[in-house]
Amino acid sequence: MTNRDTPLLVANWKANLAPAEEVALAGQIATEATRRETKPGSLMIAPSTLGAVPVASLLAREHGSLQIGIAAQDVSALEPGAHTGEGPAPHLLGIARAVILGHSERRDLGETGALIGKKVARAVAAGLSPIVCVGDRDREATTEQRCDEVRAQWHELMESAVQSGSSLAALIDVGVFIAYEPVWAIGSGDAADPELAGRVAAALRGLITDEVKVLYGGSVRAERASSFFAGGGAARLDGLLVGGASLSSESLLDISTALGTSR
């Protein structure tokens, strides 16, 4: 989706906007991205379920050169069939390239690591890149405690994914992302320390492979965005998962500019 030298900026719109508003915002973002000469492939948008199709259609039809990706915000753990209200992974093909899974807001609604692992397996089988979220909840925890918590989350969901027919090799092959999102930082206006985020990234890579791409999410703002990319080696970050700041084209592109992906 993006090369190692170009950070990926993922805009998670959650359930903030109606579909018509999402289409309008996507157009504003694309127009501003063109004006700022944003690097193709450096942006990804995760609209609501109802907004994904019209947003994807607009971007492909009118702004294809920007290569703005579409990510779903969730996917069903079930295969296509008689499952009222579900959104099976294969139904996203041609619309989305990736899907956010295990976000803390989904976990707060009762999703377990076992369920998330099943969703990961379904996404991988459909050829979608999972953006798998893990994160610690205690603001006062030590770095090692945080690393232990995210390792445990990863092990739980991967055990379930393997039981559901997937594998670590399959995740790597389809292009898995891991998003470190400390729960205490989300919506607080207070992002985690970039050095801490880098140490957690290194811990996650130690479980998987040095080549896995790790994103940071949690109260990201333009003024601190570039500081998350000071680390090197296993402690490097490959992009940002942005919530509230992505609801404004200007604030989102300010972050992109800070990352060096826009002029």
Protein backbone atom coordinates (compact mmCIF):
# COMPACT_ATOMS: atom_id res chain seq x y z
CA MET A 1 0.00 0.00 0.00
CA THR A 2 2.89 2.28 0.74
CA ASN A 3 6.64 1.86 0.71
CA ARG A 4 8.78 1.84 3.83
CA ASP A 5 9.93 5.43 3.31
CA THR A 6 6.42 6.90 3.04
CA PRO A 7 4.38 6.92 6.27
CA LEU A 8 0.75 5.83 5.95
CA LEU A 9 -1.90 8.14 7.41
CA VAL A 10 -5.18 6.34 8.16
CA ALA A 11 -8.27 8.48 8.86
CA ASN A 12 -10.81 6.64 11.04
CA TRP A 13 -14.10 8.53 10.81
CA LYS A 14 -15.88 6.12 13.18
CA ALA A 15 -19.66 6.87 13.29
CA ASN A 16 -19.35 10.65 13.33
CA LEU A 17 -20.78 11.49 9.91
CA ALA A 18 -23.74 10.59 7.72
CA PRO A 19 -22.84 9.14 4.29
CA ALA A 20 -23.48 12.43 2.44
CA GLU A 21 -21.21 14.24 4.89
CA GLU A 22 -18.52 11.60 4.39
CA VAL A 23 -18.63 12.03 0.62
CA ALA A 24 -18.33 15.81 1.03
CA LEU A 25 -15.38 15.46 3.43
CA ALA A 26 -13.64 12.96 1.15
CA GLY A 27 -13.91 15.47 -1.69
CA GLN A 28 -12.48 18.23 0.50
CA ILE A 29 -9.58 16.01 1.58
CA ALA A 30 -8.81 15.00 -2.00
CA THR A 31 -8.93 18.62 -3.19
CA GLU A 32 -6.62 19.74 -0.39
CA ALA A 33 -4.32 16.76 -0.97
CA THR A 34 -4.02 17.71 -4.63
CA ARG A 35 -3.25 21.31 -3.70
CA ARG A 36 -0.53 20.20 -1.29
CA GLU A 37 0.88 17.63 -3.73
CA THR A 38 0.38 14.74 -1.34
CA LYS A 39 2.34 11.61 -2.22
CA PRO A 40 0.12 9.02 -3.93
CA GLY A 41 -0.76 6.11 -1.67
CA SER A 42 0.08 7.89 1.59
CA LEU A 43 -3.55 8.40 2.70
CA MET A 44 -6.24 5.91 3.65
CA ILE A 45 -9.79 6.69 4.74
CA ALA A 46 -12.03 4.46 6.89
CA PRO A 47 -15.61 5.67 6.35
CA SER A 48 -18.69 4.21 8.00
CA THR A 49 -20.21 1.04 6.56
CA LEU A 50 -22.91 3.05 4.76
CA GLY A 51 -20.41 5.62 3.48
CA ALA A 52 -17.73 3.27 2.20
CA VAL A 53 -19.23 2.66 -1.25
CA PRO A 54 -20.02 6.29 -2.20
CA VAL A 55 -16.70 7.52 -0.78
CA ALA A 56 -14.73 4.84 -2.66
CA SER A 57 -16.66 5.64 -5.84
CA LEU A 58 -15.95 9.38 -5.58
CA LEU A 59 -12.23 8.91 -4.93
CA ALA A 60 -11.79 6.41 -7.76
CA ARG A 61 -13.84 8.43 -10.23
CA GLU A 62 -12.55 11.93 -9.59
CA HIS A 63 -9.27 11.61 -7.65
CA GLY A 64 -7.72 8.34 -8.79
CA SER A 65 -4.21 9.75 -9.13
CA LEU A 66 -4.01 10.30 -5.36
CA GLN A 67 -4.43 6.55 -4.73
CA ILE A 68 -6.31 7.21 -1.49
CA GLY A 69 -7.09 3.81 -0.01
CA ILE A 70 -10.32 2.75 1.63
CA ALA A 71 -10.43 0.74 4.85
CA ALA A 72 -13.52 -0.77 6.44
CA GLN A 73 -14.02 -0.12 10.15
CA ASP A 74 -15.00 -3.71 10.91
CA VAL A 75 -15.90 -7.01 9.26
CA SER A 76 -17.99 -10.02 10.18
CA ALA A 77 -16.52 -13.14 11.72
CA LEU A 78 -18.94 -15.14 9.55
CA GLU A 79 -18.84 -16.24 5.95
CA PRO A 80 -21.44 -14.96 3.47
CA GLY A 81 -24.81 -16.54 4.12
CA ALA A 82 -28.03 -16.20 6.07
CA HIS A 83 -26.66 -13.84 8.72
CA THR A 84 -28.91 -10.80 9.03
CA GLY A 85 -27.03 -7.58 9.59
CA GLU A 86 -23.53 -9.00 9.04
CA GLY A 87 -20.91 -7.65 6.63
CA PRO A 88 -18.80 -10.54 5.31
CA ALA A 89 -15.23 -9.83 4.28
CA PRO A 90 -15.59 -10.93 0.62
CA HIS A 91 -18.31 -8.30 0.16
CA LEU A 92 -15.68 -5.60 0.69
CA LEU A 93 -13.65 -6.60 -2.35
CA GLY A 94 -13.60 -3.83 -4.92
CA ILE A 95 -14.47 -1.32 -2.19
CA ALA A 96 -11.82 -1.57 0.54
CA ARG A 97 -8.20 -2.72 0.62
CA ALA A 98 -7.93 -2.98 4.39
CA VAL A 99 -10.04 -3.34 7.52
CA ILE A 100 -9.57 -2.05 11.08
CA LEU A 101 -9.98 -4.87 13.60
CA GLY A 102 -9.83 -4.99 17.39
CA HIS A 103 -10.20 -1.26 17.96
CA SER A 104 -10.62 -0.50 21.66
CA GLU A 105 -14.07 0.93 20.99
CA ARG A 106 -15.11 -2.46 19.61
CA ARG A 107 -13.52 -4.22 22.59
CA ASP A 108 -15.53 -1.94 24.90
CA LEU A 109 -18.67 -3.29 23.21
CA GLY A 110 -17.69 -6.81 24.22
CA GLU A 111 -15.41 -8.04 21.43
CA THR A 112 -12.89 -10.56 22.72
CA GLY A 113 -9.53 -11.53 21.35
CA ALA A 114 -11.09 -14.80 20.18
CA LEU A 115 -13.72 -12.97 18.11
CA ILE A 116 -11.15 -10.53 16.73
CA GLY A 117 -8.97 -13.45 15.66
CA LYS A 118 -11.88 -14.96 13.71
CA LYS A 119 -12.39 -11.63 11.96
CA VAL A 120 -8.69 -11.45 11.16
CA ALA A 121 -8.88 -14.88 9.55
CA ARG A 122 -11.90 -13.88 7.46
CA ALA A 123 -10.19 -10.67 6.32
CA VAL A 124 -6.99 -12.48 5.35
CA ALA A 125 -8.90 -15.18 3.45
CA ALA A 126 -10.60 -12.41 1.45
CA GLY A 127 -7.27 -10.74 0.64
CA LEU A 128 -7.84 -7.69 2.85
CA SER A 129 -5.01 -6.18 4.88
CA PRO A 130 -5.96 -6.25 8.57
CA ILE A 131 -5.11 -3.18 10.65
CA VAL A 132 -5.04 -4.97 14.00
CA CYS A 133 -5.36 -2.71 17.03
CA VAL A 134 -3.75 -3.48 20.39
CA GLY A 135 -3.32 -1.20 23.35
CA ASP A 136 -2.84 -0.83 27.09
CA ARG A 137 -5.36 0.78 29.44
CA ASP A 138 -3.38 1.98 32.46
CA ARG A 139 -1.86 5.42 32.05
CA GLU A 140 0.50 4.72 34.96
CA ALA A 141 1.78 1.33 33.75
CA THR A 142 5.47 0.75 33.14
CA THR A 143 6.74 0.27 29.61
CA GLU A 144 7.29 -3.43 30.26
CA GLN A 145 3.75 -3.80 31.58
CA ARG A 146 2.43 -2.13 28.44
CA CYS A 147 4.50 -4.42 26.24
CA ASP A 148 3.28 -7.47 28.16
CA GLU A 149 -0.35 -6.36 27.70
CA VAL A 150 -0.12 -5.85 23.95
CA ARG A 151 1.83 -9.10 23.54
CA ALA A 152 -0.95 -10.95 25.37
CA GLN A 153 -3.59 -9.35 23.16
CA TRP A 154 -1.69 -10.35 20.05
CA HIS A 155 -1.17 -13.94 21.23
CA GLU A 156 -4.88 -14.34 22.06
CA LEU A 157 -6.16 -13.11 18.72
CA MET A 158 -3.51 -15.00 16.74
CA GLU A 159 -4.40 -18.26 18.48
CA SER A 160 -8.00 -17.70 17.40
CA ALA A 161 -6.97 -16.72 13.86
CA VAL A 162 -4.94 -19.92 13.50
CA GLN A 163 -7.83 -22.01 14.83
CA SER A 164 -10.01 -20.31 12.20
CA GLY A 165 -7.70 -21.45 9.41
CA SER A 166 -5.26 -18.54 9.06
CA SER A 167 -1.56 -18.29 9.88
CA LEU A 168 1.09 -15.72 10.69
CA ALA A 169 2.64 -16.26 7.27
CA ALA A 170 -0.72 -15.52 5.63
CA LEU A 171 -1.07 -12.29 7.63
CA ILE A 172 2.38 -11.16 6.58
CA ASP A 173 1.71 -12.10 2.97
CA VAL A 174 -1.52 -10.06 2.79
CA GLY A 175 0.15 -7.04 4.41
CA VAL A 176 -0.87 -6.89 8.08
CA PHE A 177 -0.55 -3.64 10.02
CA ILE A 178 -0.49 -3.45 13.81
CA ALA A 179 -1.86 -0.25 15.32
CA TYR A 180 -0.66 0.53 18.82
CA GLU A 181 -3.42 2.60 20.40
CA PRO A 182 -3.03 3.21 24.15
CA VAL A 183 -6.64 3.36 25.33
CA TRP A 184 -5.90 6.11 27.86
CA ALA A 185 -4.70 8.39 25.05
CA ILE A 186 -7.69 8.03 22.70
CA GLY A 187 -9.79 11.17 22.70
CA SER A 188 -7.83 12.63 25.62
CA GLY A 189 -5.84 15.17 23.62
CA ASP A 190 -2.71 13.71 25.22
CA ALA A 191 -0.78 11.40 22.90
CA ALA A 192 1.65 8.79 24.17
CA ASP A 193 5.32 9.63 24.32
CA PRO A 194 6.86 8.81 20.91
CA GLU A 195 9.74 6.94 22.55
CA LEU A 196 7.23 4.75 24.40
CA ALA A 197 5.35 4.06 21.17
CA GLY A 198 8.61 3.05 19.54
CA ARG A 199 9.46 0.62 22.35
CA VAL A 200 6.04 -1.01 22.07
CA ALA A 201 6.54 -1.25 18.29
CA ALA A 202 9.85 -3.03 18.87
CA ALA A 203 8.18 -5.46 21.29
CA LEU A 204 5.52 -6.30 18.71
CA ARG A 205 8.07 -6.81 15.96
CA GLY A 206 9.89 -9.18 18.28
CA LEU A 207 6.82 -11.42 18.20
CA ILE A 208 6.32 -11.35 14.44
CA THR A 209 8.96 -10.03 12.06
CA ASP A 210 11.10 -6.95 11.78
CA GLU A 211 9.32 -6.09 8.54
CA VAL A 212 5.79 -5.81 9.98
CA LYS A 213 4.36 -2.29 9.73
CA VAL A 214 3.34 -0.64 13.00
CA LEU A 215 1.10 2.42 13.29
CA TYR A 216 0.42 4.65 16.28
CA GLY A 217 -3.05 5.93 17.16
CA GLY A 218 -4.30 8.11 20.02
CA SER A 219 -4.82 11.90 20.08
CA VAL A 220 -2.49 12.59 17.15
CA ARG A 221 -1.99 16.25 16.28
CA ALA A 222 0.09 17.90 13.56
CA GLU A 223 2.46 19.64 15.98
CA ARG A 224 3.74 16.30 17.33
CA ALA A 225 3.19 14.02 14.36
CA SER A 226 6.75 14.03 13.07
CA SER A 227 8.16 13.13 16.50
CA PHE A 228 6.72 9.62 16.16
CA PHE A 229 9.16 8.90 13.34
CA ALA A 230 12.41 9.75 15.09
CA GLY A 231 13.09 6.13 16.08
CA GLY A 232 14.93 3.69 13.88
CA GLY A 233 15.33 -0.05 13.55
CA ALA A 234 12.72 -2.16 15.32
CA ALA A 235 11.49 0.94 17.18
CA ARG A 236 10.42 2.73 14.01
CA LEU A 237 6.79 3.56 13.24
CA ASP A 238 5.30 3.31 9.77
CA GLY A 239 2.27 5.54 10.05
CA LEU A 240 -0.54 6.99 12.14
CA LEU A 241 -4.15 6.01 12.80
CA VAL A 242 -6.04 9.28 13.30
CA GLY A 243 -9.53 9.73 14.73
CA GLY A 244 -10.86 13.16 15.67
CA ALA A 245 -8.25 15.12 13.73
CA SER A 246 -9.30 13.35 10.53
CA LEU A 247 -12.75 14.98 10.56
CA SER A 248 -11.26 18.17 9.14
CA SER A 249 -9.50 18.17 5.78
CA GLU A 250 -7.15 20.91 6.97
CA SER A 251 -6.12 19.18 10.20
CA LEU A 252 -5.64 15.83 8.44
CA LEU A 253 -3.49 17.37 5.70
CA ASP A 254 -1.55 19.36 8.31
CA ILE A 255 -0.57 16.02 9.80
CA SER A 256 0.32 14.73 6.33
CA THR A 257 2.49 17.80 5.77
CA ALA A 258 4.19 17.25 9.13
CA LEU A 259 5.01 13.69 8.08
CA GLY A 260 6.58 14.92 4.86
CA THR A 261 3.97 13.26 2.63
CA SER A 262 2.49 16.63 1.54
CA ARG A 263 4.00 19.98 0.68
